[in-house]
PDB file of N, CA and C in Angstrom:
ATOM      1  N   UNK A   1      12.219   1.332  -2.645  1.00  0.00           N
ATOM      2  CA  UNK A   1      11.341   2.394  -2.277  1.00  0.00           C
ATOM      3  C   UNK A   1      10.835   2.041  -0.846  1.00  0.00           C
ATOM      4  N   UNK A   2      11.373   2.729   0.067  1.00  0.00           N
ATOM      5  CA  UNK A   2      10.630   2.533   1.402  1.00  0.00           C
ATOM      6  C   UNK A   2       8.874   3.326   1.928  1.00  0.00           C
ATOM      7  N   UNK A   3       8.298   2.241   1.765  1.00  0.00           N
ATOM      8  CA  UNK A   3       6.854   2.796   1.839  1.00  0.00           C
ATOM      9  C   UNK A   3       6.265   2.399   3.340  1.00  0.00           C
ATOM     10  N   UNK A   4       5.962   3.548   3.982  1.00  0.00           N
ATOM     11  CA  UNK A   4       5.241   3.562   5.192  1.00  0.00           C
ATOM     12  C   UNK A   4       4.033   4.259   5.102  1.00  0.00           C
ATOM     13  N   UNK A   5       3.479   4.646   6.607  1.00  0.00           N
ATOM     14  CA  UNK A   5       2.368   5.139   6.764  1.00  0.00           C
ATOM     15  C   UNK A   5       1.998   6.335   6.330  1.00  0.00           C
ATOM     16  N   UNK A   6       3.244   7.450   6.212  1.00  0.00           N
ATOM     17  CA  UNK A   6       3.044   8.659   5.470  1.00  0.00           C
ATOM     18  C   UNK A   6       2.635   8.569   4.279  1.00  0.00           C
ATOM     19  N   UNK A   7       3.347   7.790   3.510  1.00  0.00           N
ATOM     20  CA  UNK A   7       2.873   7.494   1.833  1.00  0.00           C
ATOM     21  C   UNK A   7       1.313   6.908   1.808  1.00  0.00           C
ATOM     22  N   UNK A   8       0.930   5.705   2.480  1.00  0.00           N
ATOM     23  CA  UNK A   8      -0.089   5.609   2.445  1.00  0.00           C
ATOM     24  C   UNK A   8      -1.409   6.599   2.799  1.00  0.00           C
ATOM     25  N   UNK A   9      -0.994   7.534   3.756  1.00  0.00           N
ATOM     26  CA  UNK A   9      -1.948   8.708   4.168  1.00  0.00           C
ATOM     27  C   UNK A   9      -2.151   9.492   2.886  1.00  0.00           C
ATOM     28  N   UNK A  10      -1.347   9.796   1.765  1.00  0.00           N
ATOM     29  CA  UNK A  10      -1.457  10.666   0.788  1.00  0.00           C
ATOM     30  C   UNK A  10      -2.450  10.044  -0.221  1.00  0.00           C
ATOM     31  N   UNK A  11      -2.754   8.608  -0.066  1.00  0.00           N
ATOM     32  CA  UNK A  11      -3.665   8.155  -1.087  1.00  0.00           C
ATOM     33  C   UNK A  11      -5.159   8.466  -0.837  1.00  0.00           C
ATOM     34  N   UNK A  12      -5.926   9.060  -1.472  1.00  0.00           N
ATOM     35  CA  UNK A  12      -7.232   9.408  -1.450  1.00  0.00           C
ATOM     36  C   UNK A  12      -8.105   8.108  -1.672  1.00  0.00           C
ATOM     37  N   UNK A  13      -9.319   8.064  -1.081  1.00  0.00           N
ATOM     38  CA  UNK A  13     -10.255   7.092  -1.111  1.00  0.00           C
ATOM     39  C   UNK A  13     -10.709   7.084  -2.606  1.00  0.00           C
ATOM     40  N   UNK A  14     -10.690   5.794  -3.301  1.00  0.00           N
ATOM     41  CA  UNK A  14     -11.112   5.397  -4.516  1.00  0.00           C
ATOM     42  C   UNK A  14      -9.891   5.838  -5.503  1.00  0.00           C
ATOM     43  N   UNK A  15      -8.863   6.231  -5.034  1.00  0.00           N
ATOM     44  CA  UNK A  15      -7.646   6.197  -5.985  1.00  0.00           C
ATOM     45  C   UNK A  15      -6.492   5.054  -5.762  1.00  0.00           C
ATOM     46  N   UNK A  16      -5.365   5.390  -6.629  1.00  0.00           N
ATOM     47  CA  UNK A  16      -4.526   4.586  -6.524  1.00  0.00           C
ATOM     48  C   UNK A  16      -3.248   4.991  -6.681  1.00  0.00           C
ATOM     49  N   UNK A  17      -2.179   4.194  -6.290  1.00  0.00           N
ATOM     50  CA  UNK A  17      -0.901   4.761  -6.199  1.00  0.00           C
ATOM     51  C   UNK A  17       0.012   3.406  -6.635  1.00  0.00           C
ATOM     52  N   UNK A  18       1.336   3.826  -7.501  1.00  0.00           N
ATOM     53  CA  UNK A  18       2.035   2.678  -7.886  1.00  0.00           C
ATOM     54  C   UNK A  18       3.420   2.790  -7.024  1.00  0.00           C
ATOM     55  N   UNK A  19       3.816   1.993  -6.206  1.00  0.00           N
ATOM     56  CA  UNK A  19       5.106   2.049  -5.725  1.00  0.00           C
ATOM     57  C   UNK A  19       5.868   0.943  -6.248  1.00  0.00           C
ATOM     58  N   UNK A  20       7.344   1.680  -6.539  1.00  0.00           N
ATOM     59  CA  UNK A  20       8.501   0.739  -7.225  1.00  0.00           C
ATOM     60  C   UNK A  20       9.061  -0.016  -5.837  1.00  0.00           C
ATOM     61  N   UNK A  21       9.481  -1.287  -6.193  1.00  0.00           N
ATOM     62  CA  UNK A  21      10.159  -2.113  -5.337  1.00  0.00           C
ATOM     63  C   UNK A  21      11.638  -2.359  -5.606  1.00  0.00           C
ATOM     64  N   UNK A  22      12.436  -2.309  -4.952  1.00  0.00           N
ATOM     65  CA  UNK A  22      13.907  -2.655  -5.025  1.00  0.00           C
ATOM     66  C   UNK A  22      14.140  -4.148  -5.168  1.00  0.00           C
ATOM     67  N   UNK A  23      13.448  -5.129  -4.392  1.00  0.00           N
ATOM     68  CA  UNK A  23      13.714  -6.536  -4.478  1.00  0.00           C
ATOM     69  C   UNK A  23      12.278  -6.928  -4.262  1.00  0.00           C
ATOM     70  N   UNK A  24      12.503  -8.342  -4.336  1.00  0.00           N
ATOM     71  CA  UNK A  24      11.075  -8.994  -4.221  1.00  0.00           C
ATOM     72  C   UNK A  24      10.638  -9.119  -3.033  1.00  0.00           C
ATOM     73  N   UNK A  25      11.234  -9.182  -2.000  1.00  0.00           N
ATOM     74  CA  UNK A  25      11.189  -9.065  -0.673  1.00  0.00           C
ATOM     75  C   UNK A  25      10.455  -7.930  -0.115  1.00  0.00           C
ATOM     76  N   UNK A  26      10.540  -6.604  -0.773  1.00  0.00           N
ATOM     77  CA  UNK A  26      10.054  -5.646  -0.585  1.00  0.00           C
ATOM     78  C   UNK A  26       8.795  -5.382  -1.273  1.00  0.00           C
ATOM     79  N   UNK A  27       8.257  -6.208  -2.090  1.00  0.00           N
ATOM     80  CA  UNK A  27       6.696  -6.425  -2.745  1.00  0.00           C
ATOM     81  C   UNK A  27       6.186  -6.974  -1.645  1.00  0.00           C
ATOM     82  N   UNK A  28       6.346  -7.619  -0.855  1.00  0.00           N
ATOM     83  CA  UNK A  28       5.803  -8.304   0.245  1.00  0.00           C
ATOM     84  C   UNK A  28       5.830  -7.562   1.279  1.00  0.00           C
ATOM     85  N   UNK A  29       6.534  -6.941   1.754  1.00  0.00           N
ATOM     86  CA  UNK A  29       6.800  -6.169   2.807  1.00  0.00           C
ATOM     87  C   UNK A  29       5.566  -4.744   2.740  1.00  0.00           C
ATOM     88  N   UNK A  30       5.519  -4.261   1.620  1.00  0.00           N
ATOM     89  CA  UNK A  30       4.546  -3.078   1.026  1.00  0.00           C
ATOM     90  C   UNK A  30       3.010  -3.713   1.406  1.00  0.00           C
ATOM     91  N   UNK A  31       2.732  -4.870   0.641  1.00  0.00           N
ATOM     92  CA  UNK A  31       1.445  -5.462   0.980  1.00  0.00           C
ATOM     93  C   UNK A  31       1.279  -5.698   2.486  1.00  0.00           C
ATOM     94  N   UNK A  32       1.899  -6.266   3.326  1.00  0.00           N
ATOM     95  CA  UNK A  32       1.793  -6.637   4.532  1.00  0.00           C
ATOM     96  C   UNK A  32       1.675  -5.230   5.412  1.00  0.00           C
ATOM     97  N   UNK A  33       2.593  -4.099   5.050  1.00  0.00           N
ATOM     98  CA  UNK A  33       1.991  -2.883   5.622  1.00  0.00           C
ATOM     99  C   UNK A  33       0.506  -2.303   5.525  1.00  0.00           C
ATOM    100  N   UNK A  34       0.272  -2.499   4.187  1.00  0.00           N
ATOM    101  CA  UNK A  34      -1.168  -2.264   3.730  1.00  0.00           C
ATOM    102  C   UNK A  34      -2.021  -3.061   4.347  1.00  0.00           C
ATOM    103  N   UNK A  35      -1.915  -4.272   4.521  1.00  0.00           N
ATOM    104  CA  UNK A  35      -2.841  -5.140   4.916  1.00  0.00           C
ATOM    105  C   UNK A  35      -3.360  -4.926   6.740  1.00  0.00           C
ATOM    106  N   UNK A  36      -2.265  -4.330   7.481  1.00  0.00           N
ATOM    107  CA  UNK A  36      -2.432  -4.112   8.865  1.00  0.00           C
ATOM    108  C   UNK A  36      -2.610  -2.580   9.198  1.00  0.00           C
ATOM    109  N   UNK A  37      -2.547  -1.827   8.246  1.00  0.00           N
ATOM    110  CA  UNK A  37      -2.812  -0.312   8.476  1.00  0.00           C
ATOM    111  C   UNK A  37      -4.006   0.100   9.146  1.00  0.00           C
ATOM    112  N   UNK A  38      -5.138  -0.592   8.685  1.00  0.00           N
ATOM    113  CA  UNK A  38      -6.294  -0.177   9.100  1.00  0.00           C
ATOM    114  C   UNK A  38      -6.541  -0.732  10.482  1.00  0.00           C
ATOM    115  N   UNK A  39      -5.916  -1.666  11.042  1.00  0.00           N
ATOM    116  CA  UNK A  39      -5.947  -2.368  12.328  1.00  0.00           C
ATOM    117  C   UNK A  39      -5.068  -1.456  13.147  1.00  0.00           C
ATOM    118  N   UNK A  40      -4.138  -1.002  12.830  1.00  0.00           N
ATOM    119  CA  UNK A  40      -3.346   0.015  13.664  1.00  0.00           C
ATOM    120  C   UNK A  40      -3.602   1.282  13.686  1.00  0.00           C
ATOM    121  N   UNK A  41      -4.195   1.921  12.381  1.00  0.00           N
ATOM    122  CA  UNK A  41      -4.607   3.336  12.428  1.00  0.00           C
ATOM    123  C   UNK A  41      -5.910   3.423  11.602  1.00  0.00           C
ATOM    124  N   UNK A  42      -6.954   3.090  12.927  1.00  0.00           N
ATOM    125  CA  UNK A  42      -8.408   3.146  12.433  1.00  0.00           C
ATOM    126  C   UNK A  42      -8.781   4.503  12.114  1.00  0.00           C
ATOM    127  N   UNK A  43      -7.967   5.409  12.511  1.00  0.00           N
ATOM    128  CA  UNK A  43      -8.467   6.983  12.412  1.00  0.00           C
ATOM    129  C   UNK A  43      -8.231   7.405  10.984  1.00  0.00           C
ATOM    130  N   UNK A  44      -7.760   6.601  10.126  1.00  0.00           N
ATOM    131  CA  UNK A  44      -7.330   6.809   8.578  1.00  0.00           C
ATOM    132  C   UNK A  44      -9.084   6.737   8.087  1.00  0.00           C
ATOM    133  N   UNK A  45      -9.451   5.673   8.717  1.00  0.00           N
ATOM    134  CA  UNK A  45     -10.756   5.063   8.173  1.00  0.00           C
ATOM    135  C   UNK A  45     -10.893   4.629   6.368  1.00  0.00           C
ATOM    136  N   UNK A  46      -9.736   4.086   6.268  1.00  0.00           N
ATOM    137  CA  UNK A  46      -9.168   3.559   5.119  1.00  0.00           C
ATOM    138  C   UNK A  46      -8.881   2.073   5.170  1.00  0.00           C
ATOM    139  N   UNK A  47      -9.260   1.212   4.195  1.00  0.00           N
ATOM    140  CA  UNK A  47      -8.505  -0.037   3.876  1.00  0.00           C
ATOM    141  C   UNK A  47      -7.550  -0.125   2.665  1.00  0.00           C
ATOM    142  N   UNK A  48      -6.657  -0.902   2.546  1.00  0.00           N
ATOM    143  CA  UNK A  48      -5.974  -0.862   1.370  1.00  0.00           C
ATOM    144  C   UNK A  48      -6.246  -2.132   0.467  1.00  0.00           C
ATOM    145  N   UNK A  49      -6.134  -1.876  -0.701  1.00  0.00           N
ATOM    146  CA  UNK A  49      -6.280  -3.266  -1.497  1.00  0.00           C
ATOM    147  C   UNK A  49      -5.048  -2.966  -2.357  1.00  0.00           C
ATOM    148  N   UNK A  50      -4.042  -4.382  -2.476  1.00  0.00           N
ATOM    149  CA  UNK A  50      -2.746  -4.237  -3.173  1.00  0.00           C
ATOM    150  C   UNK A  50      -2.882  -5.183  -4.290  1.00  0.00           C
ATOM    151  N   UNK A  51      -1.964  -5.069  -5.499  1.00  0.00           N
ATOM    152  CA  UNK A  51      -1.962  -5.675  -6.487  1.00  0.00           C
ATOM    153  C   UNK A  51      -0.447  -5.617  -6.553  1.00  0.00           C
ATOM    154  N   UNK A  52       0.252  -6.984  -6.830  1.00  0.00           N
ATOM    155  CA  UNK A  52       1.819  -6.800  -7.177  1.00  0.00           C
ATOM    156  C   UNK A  52       2.097  -7.210  -8.504  1.00  0.00           C
ATOM    157  N   UNK A  53       2.987  -6.672  -9.403  1.00  0.00           N
ATOM    158  CA  UNK A  53       3.330  -6.883 -10.624  1.00  0.00           C
ATOM    159  C   UNK A  53       4.900  -7.200 -10.227  1.00  0.00           C
ATOM    160  N   UNK A  54       4.971  -8.655 -10.297  1.00  0.00           N
ATOM    161  CA  UNK A  54       6.564  -9.145  -9.943  1.00  0.00           C
ATOM    162  C   UNK A  54       7.389  -8.806 -11.394  1.00  0.00           C
ATOM    163  N   UNK A  55       6.809  -8.746 -12.321  1.00  0.00           N
ATOM    164  CA  UNK A  55       7.741  -8.490 -13.834  1.00  0.00           C
ATOM    165  C   UNK A  55       8.109  -7.205 -13.658  1.00  0.00           C
ATOM    166  N   UNK A  56       7.540  -6.321 -13.417  1.00  0.00           N
ATOM    167  CA  UNK A  56       7.823  -5.024 -13.313  1.00  0.00           C
ATOM    168  C   UNK A  56       8.199  -4.430 -11.969  1.00  0.00           C
ATOM    169  N   UNK A  57       8.105  -5.400 -10.775  1.00  0.00           N
ATOM    170  CA  UNK A  57       8.606  -4.909  -9.514  1.00  0.00           C
ATOM    171  C   UNK A  57       7.889  -3.656  -8.978  1.00  0.00           C
ATOM    172  N   UNK A  58       6.451  -3.529  -9.136  1.00  0.00           N
ATOM    173  CA  UNK A  58       5.815  -2.611  -8.565  1.00  0.00           C
ATOM    174  C   UNK A  58       4.489  -3.084  -7.842  1.00  0.00           C
ATOM    175  N   UNK A  59       3.877  -2.289  -6.976  1.00  0.00           N
ATOM    176  CA  UNK A  59       3.116  -2.842  -6.232  1.00  0.00           C
ATOM    177  C   UNK A  59       1.909  -1.549  -6.420  1.00  0.00           C
ATOM    178  N   UNK A  60       0.811  -2.041  -6.763  1.00  0.00           N
ATOM    179  CA  UNK A  60      -0.337  -1.067  -6.922  1.00  0.00           C
ATOM    180  C   UNK A  60      -1.425  -1.037  -5.765  1.00  0.00           C
ATOM    181  N   UNK A  61      -1.490   0.187  -4.944  1.00  0.00           N
ATOM    182  CA  UNK A  61      -2.253   0.272  -3.722  1.00  0.00           C
ATOM    183  C   UNK A  61      -3.432   1.159  -3.842  1.00  0.00           C
ATOM    184  N   UNK A  62      -4.752   0.573  -3.706  1.00  0.00           N
ATOM    185  CA  UNK A  62      -5.972   1.503  -3.738  1.00  0.00           C
ATOM    186  C   UNK A  62      -6.460   1.300  -2.508  1.00  0.00           C
ATOM    187  N   UNK A  63      -6.850   2.871  -2.204  1.00  0.00           N
ATOM    188  CA  UNK A  63      -7.612   3.163  -0.758  1.00  0.00           C
ATOM    189  C   UNK A  63      -8.951   2.837  -1.029  1.00  0.00           C
ATOM    190  N   UNK A  64      -9.407   2.117  -0.152  1.00  0.00           N
ATOM    191  CA  UNK A  64     -11.005   1.998  -0.080  1.00  0.00           C
ATOM    192  C   UNK A  64     -11.524   2.599   1.231  1.00  0.00           C
ATOM    193  N   UNK A  65     -12.654   3.348   1.281  1.00  0.00           N
ATOM    194  CA  UNK A  65     -13.179   3.990   2.654  1.00  0.00           C
ATOM    195  C   UNK A  65     -13.676   2.681   3.371  1.00  0.00           C
ATOM    196  N   UNK A  66     -13.332   2.737   4.628  1.00  0.00           N
ATOM    197  CA  UNK A  66     -13.745   1.726   5.397  1.00  0.00           C
ATOM    198  C   UNK A  66     -15.158   1.774   5.862  1.00  0.00           C
TER     199      UNK A  66
END
């Protein structure tokens, strides 16, 4: 699944969303996008915490109010 800024904007502060990944590289790509979003888009007022589940090939993203 392609995860970008539009998907991250849909996550409300204090909630989580789980994104499936097609391959291990995509797991890391989602994590990197989340780690830099608050720097590139400070207007969101959010930071994102990620948790990778390599066995199930998913990334859990939690939005945290900045």
